[in-house]
Amino acid sequence: MATGAEAPESWYLALLGFAEHFRTSSPPKIRLCVHCLQAVLQFKPSQRVEARTHLQLGSVLYHHTKNSDLARSHLEKAVRCSQVPQFEDVKFEAASLLSELYCQQNLVDSAKPLLRKAIQISQQTPYWHCRLLFQLAQLHTLEKDLVSACDLLGVGAEYARVVGSEYTRALFLLSKGMLLLMERKLQEVHPLLTLCGQIVENWQGNPIQKESLRVFFLVLQVTHYLDAGQVKSVKPCLKQLQQCIQTISTLHDDEILPSNPADLFHWLPKEHMCVLVYLVTVMHSMQAGYLEKAQKYTDKALMQLEKLKMLDCSPILSSFQVILLEHIIMCRLVTGHKATALQEISQVCQLCQQSPRLFSNHAAQLHTLLGLYCISVNCMDNAEAQFTTALRLTSHQELWTFIVTNLASVYIREGNRHQELYSLLERINPDHNFPVRRFLRETLKMSNAEDLNRLTACSLVLLGHIFYVLGNHRESNNMVVPAMQLASKIPDMSVQLWSSALLKDLNKACGNTIDAHEAAQMHQNFSQQLLQDHIAACSLPEHNLISWTDGPPPVQIQAQNGPTTSLASLL
């Protein structure tokens, strides 16, 4: 028989074994697991066992039930019980999980001091010190306090260097680089990326960890180039990134743990990185005006996400899905597929209904997309309301400029909004000293240099229109013909419609009857195609979304008939 001193330990191990058995059953028997763990506390265990049991109960309740208040109670007890020396594993894990739960319950002011205290006392425990720094930096990022987040990541990078972890130092620095890109501090990004590139190339360690660092680094490089509009210059980096992800897919996970506990991190699972590379490729294709290529990669990425979400409920997958859908919706609107775009806007609404945080991060973009859809179906009052709502919800400078520019186009098309238009133009560009054609020629020069095909097509047709109005038919023709050719490659339906109309009038003015007739026929075909799509879109129940300008996304009734999308099965 066991002695009195050994009995509690035996009971604890037995109950712990039962709890784990019930937790890992298929399906999991969480109620029985919780009962077993609660039974441990009835035996008046040692403080160490009591603290660990409260942590286990809190973790199980947090991850497997909706009883967040009880989970919080157990985690708070775990934190209190572990405030003695040599309880580091329980102390820091409980603090990390409890702060996560606080954030979920919108108790951010409780999470911050908890994490700060844990960071302060964890300097002798490298893994937890780094993890808690990452966690607090993430919390500041979610609050849009990017300066504090950058400061913490800088502290983490220096700590990792001191404890000899170049791998984790690179993770901290790359994370900081990502935030600097978000803040548009491009002058600080360049030297940081140069340093990161050196660290990544010099680090010798686990091949998957090394390649994941390289993917992180290349994603930031590509994003940096795209932010600067350098679509042509980014191609070598993008090719490297695609080769890198192929290399990672051939590597097997190395189960040998790193000797340095500060190296016990990974950036993203291989499958997530693959989706991210698809996303970056879509962004490049969109900017370059290769819309069919963008649609192809979006379809691949969404199929991959569909498979991953069956096994993984990570919030980042939903974020990837929303960003991909935002890009493909833009493609659909440009290529004249409004009905499909509207159904995909509805999919974004459904994803945002499931996650308040996702909606908070993407509400402005969602209303902007609805505004663009409204323009495409000539609902100008609704477009104005959507763009006004989007402006209220965003603080991002580039998105703000994009929204204001589109709102200006609404005022121009309405024709009687001169005062509002002039006010907007003052905010977009207060300097009116340069002639419009100089701006357009500069735009054409820059877009040509960087292969920005859609911008080139738009600039050409606008210049062509200006020359036509001025009576310079030869110069107009020199602009409109290549505009039409480029627009058909993209394909951009609006530019094709505009170009064909201009080409018809131009040939008619020049007495080219046959060419004028051909252009008129092209214009008629484009008009019919757009009209049919217009009717299909407006007949969908999702069309009612154009009236939504306040609060969370409305619950949508799914269309029973009408156009369908190959992505409909995702939701």
Protein backbone atom coordinates (compact mmCIF):
# COMPACT_ATOMS: atom_id res chain seq x y z
CA MET A 1 0.00 0.00 0.00
CA ALA A 2 1.12 3.52 -0.62
CA THR A 3 2.13 5.63 2.31
CA GLY A 4 0.07 8.65 3.34
CA ALA A 5 2.59 11.00 1.69
CA GLU A 6 2.45 9.14 -1.62
CA ALA A 7 -1.34 8.65 -1.80
CA PRO A 8 -2.28 12.15 -2.97
CA GLU A 9 0.32 11.94 -5.78
CA SER A 10 -1.12 8.56 -6.89
CA TRP A 11 -4.67 9.90 -6.86
CA TYR A 12 -3.52 12.95 -8.82
CA LEU A 13 -1.77 10.89 -11.49
CA ALA A 14 -4.75 8.57 -11.85
CA LEU A 15 -7.27 11.42 -12.17
CA LEU A 16 -4.96 13.28 -14.53
CA GLY A 17 -4.72 10.17 -16.72
CA PHE A 18 -8.51 9.83 -16.84
CA ALA A 19 -8.89 13.55 -17.65
CA GLU A 20 -6.44 13.31 -20.54
CA HIS A 21 -8.17 10.14 -21.80
CA PHE A 22 -11.54 11.89 -21.88
CA ARG A 23 -10.04 15.05 -23.47
CA THR A 24 -8.42 13.10 -26.31
CA SER A 25 -11.38 10.76 -26.93
CA SER A 26 -13.12 10.93 -30.30
CA PRO A 27 -15.33 12.85 -29.88
CA PRO A 28 -13.81 14.55 -26.79
CA LYS A 29 -15.71 14.02 -23.52
CA ILE A 30 -15.04 17.44 -22.05
CA ARG A 31 -17.59 17.23 -19.23
CA LEU A 32 -15.95 14.06 -17.86
CA CYS A 33 -12.49 15.58 -18.33
CA VAL A 34 -13.53 18.62 -16.25
CA HIS A 35 -15.05 16.37 -13.54
CA CYS A 36 -11.77 14.48 -13.19
CA LEU A 37 -9.75 17.69 -12.89
CA GLN A 38 -12.22 19.14 -10.38
CA ALA A 39 -11.90 15.94 -8.34
CA VAL A 40 -8.16 16.60 -7.95
CA LEU A 41 -8.96 19.76 -5.98
CA GLN A 42 -11.07 17.74 -3.49
CA PHE A 43 -7.93 15.99 -2.21
CA LYS A 44 -6.36 19.24 -0.93
CA PRO A 45 -3.29 18.82 -3.17
CA SER A 46 0.04 20.61 -2.82
CA GLN A 47 0.26 24.20 -4.03
CA ARG A 48 2.12 23.11 -7.17
CA VAL A 49 -0.55 20.53 -8.07
CA GLU A 50 -3.35 22.97 -7.20
CA ALA A 51 -1.88 25.68 -9.46
CA ARG A 52 -1.34 23.29 -12.35
CA THR A 53 -4.87 21.84 -11.99
CA HIS A 54 -6.46 25.29 -12.08
CA LEU A 55 -4.40 26.02 -15.22
CA GLN A 56 -5.55 22.76 -16.85
CA LEU A 57 -9.19 23.42 -15.96
CA GLY A 58 -8.98 26.97 -17.27
CA SER A 59 -7.34 25.81 -20.49
CA VAL A 60 -9.89 23.06 -21.16
CA LEU A 61 -12.85 25.32 -20.41
CA TYR A 62 -11.40 28.15 -22.53
CA HIS A 63 -10.59 26.02 -25.57
CA HIS A 64 -13.49 23.54 -25.52
CA THR A 65 -16.51 25.30 -23.95
CA LYS A 66 -18.29 28.65 -23.98
CA ASN A 67 -18.04 28.98 -20.19
CA SER A 68 -15.44 31.75 -20.35
CA ASP A 69 -16.29 33.12 -16.88
CA LEU A 70 -15.48 29.80 -15.19
CA ALA A 71 -12.34 29.45 -17.33
CA ARG A 72 -11.30 32.94 -16.22
CA SER A 73 -11.90 32.07 -12.56
CA HIS A 74 -9.64 29.00 -12.75
CA LEU A 75 -6.92 30.85 -14.66
CA GLU A 76 -6.94 33.70 -12.12
CA LYS A 77 -6.55 31.13 -9.33
CA ALA A 78 -3.69 29.51 -11.26
CA VAL A 79 -1.93 32.88 -11.49
CA ARG A 80 -2.40 33.54 -7.75
CA CYS A 81 -1.29 30.04 -6.69
CA SER A 82 1.85 30.16 -8.82
CA GLN A 83 3.28 33.42 -7.45
CA VAL A 84 6.11 31.61 -5.68
CA PRO A 85 9.60 30.61 -6.90
CA GLN A 86 10.06 27.61 -9.22
CA PHE A 87 6.48 27.67 -10.57
CA GLU A 88 7.59 29.39 -13.80
CA ASP A 89 5.94 27.00 -16.26
CA VAL A 90 2.50 27.37 -14.64
CA LYS A 91 2.95 31.05 -13.79
CA PHE A 92 3.73 32.23 -17.31
CA GLU A 93 1.40 29.88 -19.19
CA ALA A 94 -1.50 30.93 -16.94
CA ALA A 95 -0.68 34.64 -17.41
CA SER A 96 -0.47 34.19 -21.20
CA LEU A 97 -3.76 32.31 -21.47
CA LEU A 98 -5.58 34.59 -19.02
CA SER A 99 -4.52 37.72 -20.89
CA GLU A 100 -5.78 36.14 -24.12
CA LEU A 101 -9.13 35.46 -22.45
CA TYR A 102 -9.26 39.03 -21.07
CA CYS A 103 -8.81 40.36 -24.61
CA GLN A 104 -11.59 38.12 -25.86
CA GLN A 105 -13.86 39.62 -23.17
CA ASN A 106 -12.76 43.17 -24.12
CA LEU A 107 -10.88 43.55 -20.81
CA VAL A 108 -7.71 44.85 -22.49
CA ASP A 109 -6.86 47.06 -19.50
CA SER A 110 -6.66 43.90 -17.36
CA ALA A 111 -4.55 42.02 -19.93
CA LYS A 112 -1.82 44.66 -20.29
CA PRO A 113 -0.61 44.86 -16.66
CA LEU A 114 -0.78 41.06 -16.37
CA LEU A 115 1.50 40.66 -19.40
CA ARG A 116 3.83 43.48 -18.31
CA LYS A 117 4.33 41.90 -14.87
CA ALA A 118 4.94 38.47 -16.43
CA ILE A 119 7.48 39.99 -18.85
CA GLN A 120 9.24 41.74 -15.96
CA ILE A 121 9.80 38.52 -13.97
CA SER A 122 10.45 36.15 -16.88
CA GLN A 123 13.89 37.34 -18.00
CA GLN A 124 15.55 34.18 -16.72
CA THR A 125 13.13 32.04 -18.76
CA PRO A 126 13.98 32.85 -22.42
CA TYR A 127 11.11 31.02 -24.11
CA TRP A 128 8.40 32.61 -21.98
CA HIS A 129 10.03 36.04 -21.97
CA CYS A 130 10.06 36.10 -25.78
CA ARG A 131 6.56 34.65 -26.09
CA LEU A 132 5.08 37.19 -23.67
CA LEU A 133 6.82 40.06 -25.50
CA PHE A 134 5.33 38.84 -28.79
CA GLN A 135 1.91 38.59 -27.13
CA LEU A 136 1.95 42.12 -25.69
CA ALA A 137 3.21 43.50 -29.00
CA GLN A 138 0.32 41.74 -30.76
CA LEU A 139 -2.12 43.27 -28.27
CA HIS A 140 -0.80 46.78 -28.97
CA THR A 141 -1.02 46.06 -32.71
CA LEU A 142 -4.70 45.08 -32.41
CA GLU A 143 -5.27 48.38 -30.61
CA LYS A 144 -3.54 50.20 -33.51
CA ASP A 145 -0.78 51.35 -31.11
CA LEU A 146 1.98 50.44 -33.55
CA VAL A 147 4.61 52.62 -31.86
CA SER A 148 4.37 50.68 -28.58
CA ALA A 149 4.28 47.39 -30.49
CA CYS A 150 7.47 48.34 -32.41
CA ASP A 151 9.21 49.31 -29.18
CA LEU A 152 8.40 45.92 -27.61
CA LEU A 153 9.59 44.05 -30.70
CA GLY A 154 12.84 46.03 -30.57
CA VAL A 155 13.28 45.02 -26.90
CA GLY A 156 12.63 41.40 -27.88
CA ALA A 157 15.20 41.52 -30.69
CA GLU A 158 17.88 42.83 -28.35
CA TYR A 159 17.00 40.23 -25.67
CA ALA A 160 17.17 37.43 -28.26
CA ARG A 161 20.61 38.69 -29.38
CA VAL A 162 21.86 38.68 -25.75
CA VAL A 163 20.67 35.09 -25.13
CA GLY A 164 22.25 33.95 -28.41
CA SER A 165 19.10 33.32 -30.45
CA GLU A 166 19.64 34.82 -33.90
CA TYR A 167 16.59 32.94 -35.21
CA THR A 168 14.19 34.57 -32.73
CA ARG A 169 16.01 37.90 -33.14
CA ALA A 170 15.15 37.72 -36.84
CA LEU A 171 11.50 36.95 -36.01
CA PHE A 172 11.30 40.03 -33.77
CA LEU A 173 12.99 42.26 -36.36
CA LEU A 174 10.86 40.97 -39.24
CA SER A 175 7.71 41.51 -37.15
CA LYS A 176 8.88 45.06 -36.48
CA GLY A 177 9.50 45.54 -40.21
CA MET A 178 5.93 44.44 -40.92
CA LEU A 179 4.58 47.09 -38.51
CA LEU A 180 6.84 49.79 -39.98
CA LEU A 181 5.40 48.96 -43.41
CA MET A 182 1.90 49.32 -41.94
CA GLU A 183 2.92 52.73 -40.56
CA ARG A 184 4.39 53.70 -43.97
CA LYS A 185 7.78 54.41 -42.34
CA LEU A 186 9.57 53.28 -45.47
CA GLN A 187 12.88 54.99 -44.64
CA GLU A 188 13.18 52.84 -41.50
CA VAL A 189 12.08 49.67 -43.31
CA HIS A 190 14.96 49.55 -45.78
CA PRO A 191 17.89 49.31 -43.30
CA LEU A 192 15.88 46.90 -41.14
CA LEU A 193 15.24 44.58 -44.09
CA THR A 194 18.93 44.76 -45.04
CA LEU A 195 19.90 43.64 -41.51
CA CYS A 196 17.24 40.89 -41.53
CA GLY A 197 18.51 39.61 -44.87
CA GLN A 198 22.02 39.25 -43.45
CA ILE A 199 20.77 37.45 -40.32
CA VAL A 200 18.60 35.06 -42.35
CA GLU A 201 21.42 34.13 -44.74
CA ASN A 202 24.01 33.69 -41.98
CA TRP A 203 21.86 31.65 -39.59
CA GLN A 204 22.53 27.93 -39.70
CA GLY A 205 19.85 25.81 -38.07
CA ASN A 206 16.71 23.77 -38.69
CA PRO A 207 16.09 23.91 -42.50
CA ILE A 208 12.35 24.53 -42.12
CA GLN A 209 12.94 27.34 -39.63
CA LYS A 210 15.54 28.88 -41.96
CA GLU A 211 13.23 28.68 -44.99
CA SER A 212 10.31 30.08 -42.99
CA LEU A 213 12.49 33.07 -42.03
CA ARG A 214 13.35 33.50 -45.70
CA VAL A 215 9.65 33.41 -46.65
CA PHE A 216 8.85 36.04 -43.98
CA PHE A 217 11.72 38.22 -45.24
CA LEU A 218 10.72 37.88 -48.90
CA VAL A 219 7.04 38.58 -48.17
CA LEU A 220 8.08 41.86 -46.54
CA GLN A 221 10.40 42.69 -49.45
CA VAL A 222 7.66 42.06 -52.00
CA THR A 223 5.16 44.08 -49.96
CA HIS A 224 7.70 46.90 -49.67
CA TYR A 225 8.14 46.99 -53.46
CA LEU A 226 4.38 46.82 -54.13
CA ASP A 227 3.70 49.64 -51.64
CA ALA A 228 6.14 51.77 -53.64
CA GLY A 229 4.40 50.82 -56.91
CA GLN A 230 7.49 48.98 -58.19
CA VAL A 231 5.63 46.12 -59.82
CA LYS A 232 8.30 45.35 -62.41
CA SER A 233 11.19 45.58 -59.93
CA VAL A 234 9.55 43.11 -57.56
CA LYS A 235 9.50 40.19 -60.01
CA PRO A 236 12.88 38.65 -59.00
CA CYS A 237 11.85 38.72 -55.30
CA LEU A 238 8.48 37.19 -56.10
CA LYS A 239 10.16 34.41 -58.08
CA GLN A 240 12.50 33.72 -55.13
CA LEU A 241 9.49 33.59 -52.81
CA GLN A 242 7.68 31.07 -55.00
CA GLN A 243 10.83 28.90 -55.20
CA CYS A 244 11.23 29.14 -51.43
CA ILE A 245 7.72 27.85 -50.74
CA GLN A 246 8.35 24.94 -53.12
CA THR A 247 11.50 24.09 -51.13
CA ILE A 248 9.59 24.18 -47.84
CA SER A 249 6.92 21.83 -49.18
CA THR A 250 9.60 19.17 -49.81
CA LEU A 251 11.10 19.39 -46.29
CA HIS A 252 10.00 17.15 -43.44
CA ASP A 253 9.44 18.59 -39.98
CA ASP A 254 12.50 17.99 -37.84
CA GLU A 255 11.38 16.73 -34.45
CA ILE A 256 14.75 17.51 -32.79
CA LEU A 257 14.16 20.40 -30.40
CA PRO A 258 16.53 23.40 -30.59
CA SER A 259 19.17 23.49 -27.86
CA ASN A 260 18.37 27.16 -27.15
CA PRO A 261 14.89 27.47 -25.52
CA ALA A 262 14.52 30.94 -27.09
CA ASP A 263 14.43 29.22 -30.51
CA LEU A 264 11.20 27.32 -29.73
CA PHE A 265 9.08 29.42 -32.08
CA HIS A 266 7.79 29.09 -35.59
CA TRP A 267 6.32 31.85 -37.72
CA LEU A 268 3.54 30.05 -39.61
CA PRO A 269 2.73 26.44 -40.51
CA LYS A 270 3.87 25.43 -44.01
CA GLU A 271 0.29 25.30 -45.29
CA HIS A 272 -0.42 28.84 -44.05
CA MET A 273 2.74 30.12 -45.71
CA CYS A 274 1.61 28.58 -48.99
CA VAL A 275 -1.69 30.53 -48.83
CA LEU A 276 0.23 33.71 -47.96
CA VAL A 277 2.46 33.32 -51.02
CA TYR A 278 -0.66 32.89 -53.19
CA LEU A 279 -2.03 36.08 -51.62
CA VAL A 280 1.14 38.07 -52.33
CA THR A 281 1.10 36.77 -55.93
CA VAL A 282 -2.52 37.91 -56.29
CA MET A 283 -1.58 41.38 -54.99
CA HIS A 284 1.21 41.61 -57.58
CA SER A 285 -1.04 40.39 -60.41
CA MET A 286 -3.74 42.91 -59.45
CA GLN A 287 -1.30 45.82 -59.43
CA ALA A 288 0.23 44.74 -62.73
CA GLY A 289 -3.20 44.41 -64.30
CA TYR A 290 -2.98 40.63 -64.89
CA LEU A 291 -6.53 40.07 -63.67
CA GLU A 292 -7.06 36.58 -65.10
CA LYS A 293 -3.83 35.46 -63.42
CA ALA A 294 -5.03 37.04 -60.16
CA GLN A 295 -8.31 35.13 -60.40
CA LYS A 296 -6.45 31.85 -61.03
CA TYR A 297 -4.24 32.24 -57.96
CA THR A 298 -7.18 33.39 -55.84
CA ASP A 299 -9.12 30.24 -56.76
CA LYS A 300 -6.12 28.09 -55.80
CA ALA A 301 -5.67 29.88 -52.49
CA LEU A 302 -9.38 29.69 -51.59
CA MET A 303 -9.46 25.95 -52.34
CA GLN A 304 -6.43 25.49 -50.08
CA LEU A 305 -8.15 27.55 -47.36
CA GLU A 306 -11.31 25.46 -47.66
CA LYS A 307 -9.29 22.31 -46.89
CA LEU A 308 -7.35 23.95 -44.03
CA LYS A 309 -10.46 25.33 -42.31
CA MET A 310 -11.89 21.83 -42.04
CA LEU A 311 -9.03 20.95 -39.66
CA ASP A 312 -7.87 24.30 -38.30
CA CYS A 313 -9.93 27.13 -36.78
CA SER A 314 -7.03 29.61 -36.65
CA PRO A 315 -8.34 33.21 -37.03
CA ILE A 316 -5.57 34.02 -39.52
CA LEU A 317 -7.20 31.69 -42.07
CA SER A 318 -10.39 33.77 -42.01
CA SER A 319 -8.28 36.92 -42.39
CA PHE A 320 -6.54 35.42 -45.43
CA GLN A 321 -9.92 34.44 -46.87
CA VAL A 322 -11.38 37.94 -46.45
CA ILE A 323 -8.31 39.62 -48.02
CA LEU A 324 -8.38 37.22 -50.98
CA LEU A 325 -12.10 37.82 -51.49
CA GLU A 326 -11.55 41.59 -51.34
CA HIS A 327 -9.03 41.31 -54.17
CA ILE A 328 -11.14 38.98 -56.30
CA ILE A 329 -14.18 41.25 -55.87
CA MET A 330 -12.14 44.12 -57.31
CA CYS A 331 -11.22 41.84 -60.24
CA ARG A 332 -14.85 40.90 -60.87
CA LEU A 333 -15.98 44.54 -60.90
CA VAL A 334 -13.24 45.50 -63.37
CA THR A 335 -13.87 42.52 -65.67
CA GLY A 336 -17.64 43.12 -65.73
CA HIS A 337 -18.86 40.35 -63.42
CA LYS A 338 -20.94 42.38 -60.98
CA ALA A 339 -23.32 39.59 -59.96
CA THR A 340 -20.47 37.31 -58.91
CA ALA A 341 -18.75 40.22 -57.14
CA LEU A 342 -21.93 40.90 -55.17
CA GLN A 343 -22.19 37.27 -54.05
CA GLU A 344 -18.57 37.40 -52.92
CA ILE A 345 -19.24 40.64 -51.00
CA SER A 346 -21.99 38.70 -49.25
CA GLN A 347 -19.44 35.98 -48.39
CA VAL A 348 -17.21 38.61 -46.78
CA CYS A 349 -20.24 39.82 -44.78
CA GLN A 350 -20.85 36.27 -43.54
CA LEU A 351 -17.23 35.85 -42.48
CA CYS A 352 -17.36 39.19 -40.63
CA GLN A 353 -20.59 38.15 -38.87
CA GLN A 354 -18.63 35.29 -37.30
CA SER A 355 -15.81 37.51 -35.96
CA PRO A 356 -16.27 41.03 -34.50
CA ARG A 357 -12.50 41.58 -34.72
CA LEU A 358 -12.49 40.65 -38.42
CA PHE A 359 -15.36 43.06 -39.05
CA SER A 360 -13.59 45.84 -37.14
CA ASN A 361 -10.47 45.38 -39.31
CA HIS A 362 -12.33 45.15 -42.64
CA ALA A 363 -15.50 47.24 -42.23
CA ALA A 364 -14.11 50.21 -44.18
CA GLN A 365 -12.94 47.96 -47.03
CA LEU A 366 -16.33 46.22 -47.12
CA HIS A 367 -18.25 49.50 -47.45
CA THR A 368 -15.73 50.67 -50.06
CA LEU A 369 -16.38 47.53 -52.15
CA LEU A 370 -20.13 48.09 -51.83
CA GLY A 371 -19.58 51.69 -52.98
CA LEU A 372 -17.68 50.47 -56.05
CA TYR A 373 -20.47 47.97 -56.78
CA CYS A 374 -23.06 50.77 -56.46
CA ILE A 375 -21.14 52.85 -59.02
CA SER A 376 -21.08 49.86 -61.39
CA VAL A 377 -24.90 49.57 -61.26
CA ASN A 378 -25.47 53.36 -61.33
CA CYS A 379 -26.87 53.61 -57.78
CA MET A 380 -25.09 56.89 -57.08
CA ASP A 381 -26.95 57.87 -53.88
CA ASN A 382 -26.08 54.48 -52.37
CA ALA A 383 -22.49 54.78 -53.59
CA GLU A 384 -22.16 58.14 -51.82
CA ALA A 385 -23.61 56.68 -48.61
CA GLN A 386 -21.25 53.68 -48.74
CA PHE A 387 -18.14 55.80 -49.35
CA THR A 388 -19.16 58.25 -46.60
CA THR A 389 -19.53 55.32 -44.19
CA ALA A 390 -16.16 53.92 -45.27
CA LEU A 391 -14.47 57.30 -44.67
CA ARG A 392 -15.92 57.37 -41.16
CA LEU A 393 -14.48 53.94 -40.41
CA THR A 394 -10.92 54.27 -41.73
CA SER A 395 -7.78 56.02 -40.53
CA HIS A 396 -5.57 54.41 -43.21
CA GLN A 397 -4.21 57.16 -45.45
CA GLU A 398 -4.08 55.20 -48.72
CA LEU A 399 -7.56 53.73 -48.29
CA TRP A 400 -8.85 57.20 -47.38
CA THR A 401 -7.39 58.64 -50.60
CA PHE A 402 -8.87 55.78 -52.67
CA ILE A 403 -12.33 56.31 -51.13
CA VAL A 404 -12.25 60.10 -51.58
CA THR A 405 -11.16 59.73 -55.21
CA ASN A 406 -14.07 57.39 -55.93
CA LEU A 407 -16.47 59.70 -54.09
CA ALA A 408 -15.26 62.52 -56.35
CA SER A 409 -16.11 60.35 -59.38
CA VAL A 410 -19.64 59.96 -57.96
CA TYR A 411 -20.03 63.74 -57.74
CA ILE A 412 -18.70 64.13 -61.31
CA ARG A 413 -21.18 61.57 -62.67
CA GLU A 414 -24.09 63.18 -60.83
CA GLY A 415 -23.22 66.47 -62.55
CA ASN A 416 -24.79 68.85 -60.01
CA ARG A 417 -22.44 68.43 -57.04
CA HIS A 418 -19.83 71.03 -57.95
CA GLN A 419 -19.33 72.45 -54.46
CA GLU A 420 -18.83 69.02 -52.85
CA LEU A 421 -16.51 68.05 -55.72
CA TYR A 422 -14.31 71.11 -55.34
CA SER A 423 -14.08 70.56 -51.57
CA LEU A 424 -12.95 66.99 -52.13
CA LEU A 425 -10.43 67.98 -54.80
CA GLU A 426 -8.89 70.49 -52.39
CA ARG A 427 -8.38 67.67 -49.88
CA ILE A 428 -6.95 65.27 -52.48
CA ASN A 429 -4.67 67.73 -54.27
CA PRO A 430 -4.56 71.38 -53.17
CA ASP A 431 -2.09 72.37 -55.93
CA HIS A 432 -3.82 73.29 -59.20
CA ASN A 433 -0.85 74.92 -60.92
CA PHE A 434 -0.03 71.98 -63.22
CA PRO A 435 -1.94 71.19 -66.42
CA VAL A 436 -3.92 67.96 -66.40
CA ARG A 437 -2.15 66.58 -69.48
CA ARG A 438 1.22 66.90 -67.75
CA PHE A 439 -0.11 64.80 -64.89
CA LEU A 440 -1.44 62.20 -67.32
CA ARG A 441 1.79 62.04 -69.32
CA GLU A 442 3.79 61.60 -66.10
CA THR A 443 1.36 58.87 -65.01
CA LEU A 444 1.73 57.16 -68.38
CA LYS A 445 5.52 57.33 -68.16
CA MET A 446 5.62 55.85 -64.64
CA SER A 447 3.02 53.16 -65.33
CA ASN A 448 4.85 52.07 -68.49
CA ALA A 449 8.15 51.87 -66.63
CA GLU A 450 6.69 49.53 -63.99
CA ASP A 451 4.29 47.51 -66.20
CA LEU A 452 1.19 48.87 -64.45
CA ASN A 453 -1.02 47.78 -67.34
CA ARG A 454 -4.39 48.90 -66.04
CA LEU A 455 -3.12 52.34 -65.06
CA THR A 456 -1.49 52.61 -68.49
CA ALA A 457 -4.76 51.69 -70.24
CA CYS A 458 -6.77 54.22 -68.19
CA SER A 459 -4.21 56.97 -68.82
CA LEU A 460 -4.16 56.25 -72.57
CA VAL A 461 -7.92 56.35 -73.00
CA LEU A 462 -8.26 59.52 -70.91
CA LEU A 463 -5.52 61.25 -72.93
CA GLY A 464 -7.21 60.00 -76.09
CA HIS A 465 -10.49 61.53 -74.95
CA ILE A 466 -8.83 64.88 -74.18
CA PHE A 467 -7.13 64.98 -77.62
CA TYR A 468 -10.47 64.09 -79.28
CA VAL A 469 -12.23 66.99 -77.54
CA LEU A 470 -9.37 69.29 -78.60
CA GLY A 471 -9.82 68.14 -82.21
CA ASN A 472 -6.43 66.41 -82.45
CA HIS A 473 -7.79 63.22 -84.02
CA ARG A 474 -4.44 61.74 -85.01
CA GLU A 475 -3.00 61.98 -81.49
CA SER A 476 -6.30 60.71 -80.07
CA ASN A 477 -6.10 57.63 -82.29
CA ASN A 478 -2.49 57.02 -81.18
CA MET A 479 -3.77 56.79 -77.60
CA VAL A 480 -7.10 54.98 -78.02
CA VAL A 481 -5.93 52.03 -80.16
CA PRO A 482 -3.23 50.82 -77.68
CA ALA A 483 -5.66 51.53 -74.81
CA MET A 484 -8.18 49.16 -76.38
CA GLN A 485 -5.54 46.48 -77.02
CA LEU A 486 -4.26 46.68 -73.45
CA ALA A 487 -7.76 46.72 -71.95
CA SER A 488 -8.69 43.55 -73.84
CA LYS A 489 -5.66 41.75 -72.38
CA ILE A 490 -6.49 42.68 -68.78
CA PRO A 491 -9.54 42.47 -69.49
CA ASP A 492 -11.04 45.77 -68.26
CA MET A 493 -14.66 46.07 -69.40
CA SER A 494 -15.06 49.76 -68.48
CA VAL A 495 -11.98 50.83 -70.46
CA GLN A 496 -13.06 48.61 -73.38
CA LEU A 497 -16.51 50.21 -73.37
CA TRP A 498 -15.04 53.70 -73.16
CA SER A 499 -12.37 53.01 -75.82
CA SER A 500 -14.84 51.48 -78.28
CA ALA A 501 -17.20 54.46 -77.92
CA LEU A 502 -14.32 56.87 -78.46
CA LEU A 503 -13.00 54.84 -81.39
CA LYS A 504 -16.48 54.91 -82.99
CA ASP A 505 -16.72 58.71 -82.68
CA LEU A 506 -13.13 59.18 -83.79
CA ASN A 507 -13.52 57.08 -86.95
CA LYS A 508 -16.83 58.75 -87.72
CA ALA A 509 -15.20 62.20 -87.42
CA CYS A 510 -12.38 61.08 -89.72
CA GLY A 511 -14.81 59.64 -92.29
CA ASN A 512 -13.71 56.01 -91.74
CA THR A 513 -17.19 54.51 -92.11
CA ILE A 514 -16.21 50.83 -91.99
CA ASP A 515 -13.96 51.26 -88.96
CA ALA A 516 -16.66 53.35 -87.24
CA HIS A 517 -19.19 50.57 -87.86
CA GLU A 518 -16.83 47.92 -86.41
CA ALA A 519 -16.18 50.07 -83.33
CA ALA A 520 -19.94 50.65 -82.93
CA GLN A 521 -20.53 46.88 -83.07
CA MET A 522 -17.84 46.31 -80.43
CA HIS A 523 -19.39 48.98 -78.25
CA GLN A 524 -22.82 47.37 -78.64
CA ASN A 525 -21.46 43.94 -77.65
CA PHE A 526 -19.76 45.32 -74.52
CA SER A 527 -22.92 47.27 -73.62
CA GLN A 528 -25.13 44.17 -73.95
CA GLN A 529 -22.76 42.07 -71.88
CA LEU A 530 -22.63 44.68 -69.11
CA LEU A 531 -26.41 45.22 -69.23
CA GLN A 532 -27.17 41.51 -68.79
CA ASP A 533 -24.79 41.33 -65.85
CA HIS A 534 -26.34 44.51 -64.41
CA ILE A 535 -29.84 42.97 -64.52
CA ALA A 536 -28.58 39.71 -62.97
CA ALA A 537 -26.84 41.56 -60.12
CA CYS A 538 -29.78 43.84 -59.29
CA SER A 539 -32.16 40.85 -59.17
CA LEU A 540 -30.13 39.10 -56.45
CA PRO A 541 -31.32 39.38 -52.82
CA GLU A 542 -27.75 40.41 -51.91
CA HIS A 543 -28.36 43.65 -53.84
CA ASN A 544 -30.16 44.90 -50.70
CA LEU A 545 -26.73 45.22 -49.09
CA ILE A 546 -26.35 48.60 -50.84
CA SER A 547 -28.70 50.08 -48.20
CA TRP A 548 -26.60 48.89 -45.25
CA THR A 549 -24.52 51.72 -43.78
CA ASP A 550 -24.58 51.15 -40.03
CA GLY A 551 -23.76 48.42 -37.51
CA PRO A 552 -22.61 44.85 -38.17
CA PRO A 553 -23.31 43.16 -41.53
CA PRO A 554 -26.98 42.16 -41.93
CA VAL A 555 -27.88 38.48 -42.16
CA GLN A 556 -28.36 37.75 -45.84
CA ILE A 557 -30.86 35.41 -47.50
CA GLN A 558 -28.92 33.34 -50.02
CA ALA A 559 -30.02 33.49 -53.65
CA GLN A 560 -31.87 30.42 -54.87
CA ASN A 561 -31.40 31.22 -58.55
CA GLY A 562 -29.23 33.46 -60.66
CA PRO A 563 -25.48 33.51 -61.21
CA THR A 564 -23.36 31.24 -59.08
CA THR A 565 -19.69 31.34 -58.24
CA SER A 566 -17.21 28.50 -58.14
CA LEU A 567 -16.30 29.71 -54.65
CA ALA A 568 -19.84 29.45 -53.26
CA SER A 569 -19.12 26.13 -51.54
CA LEU A 570 -16.53 27.77 -49.30
CA LEU A 571 -19.18 29.01 -46.93
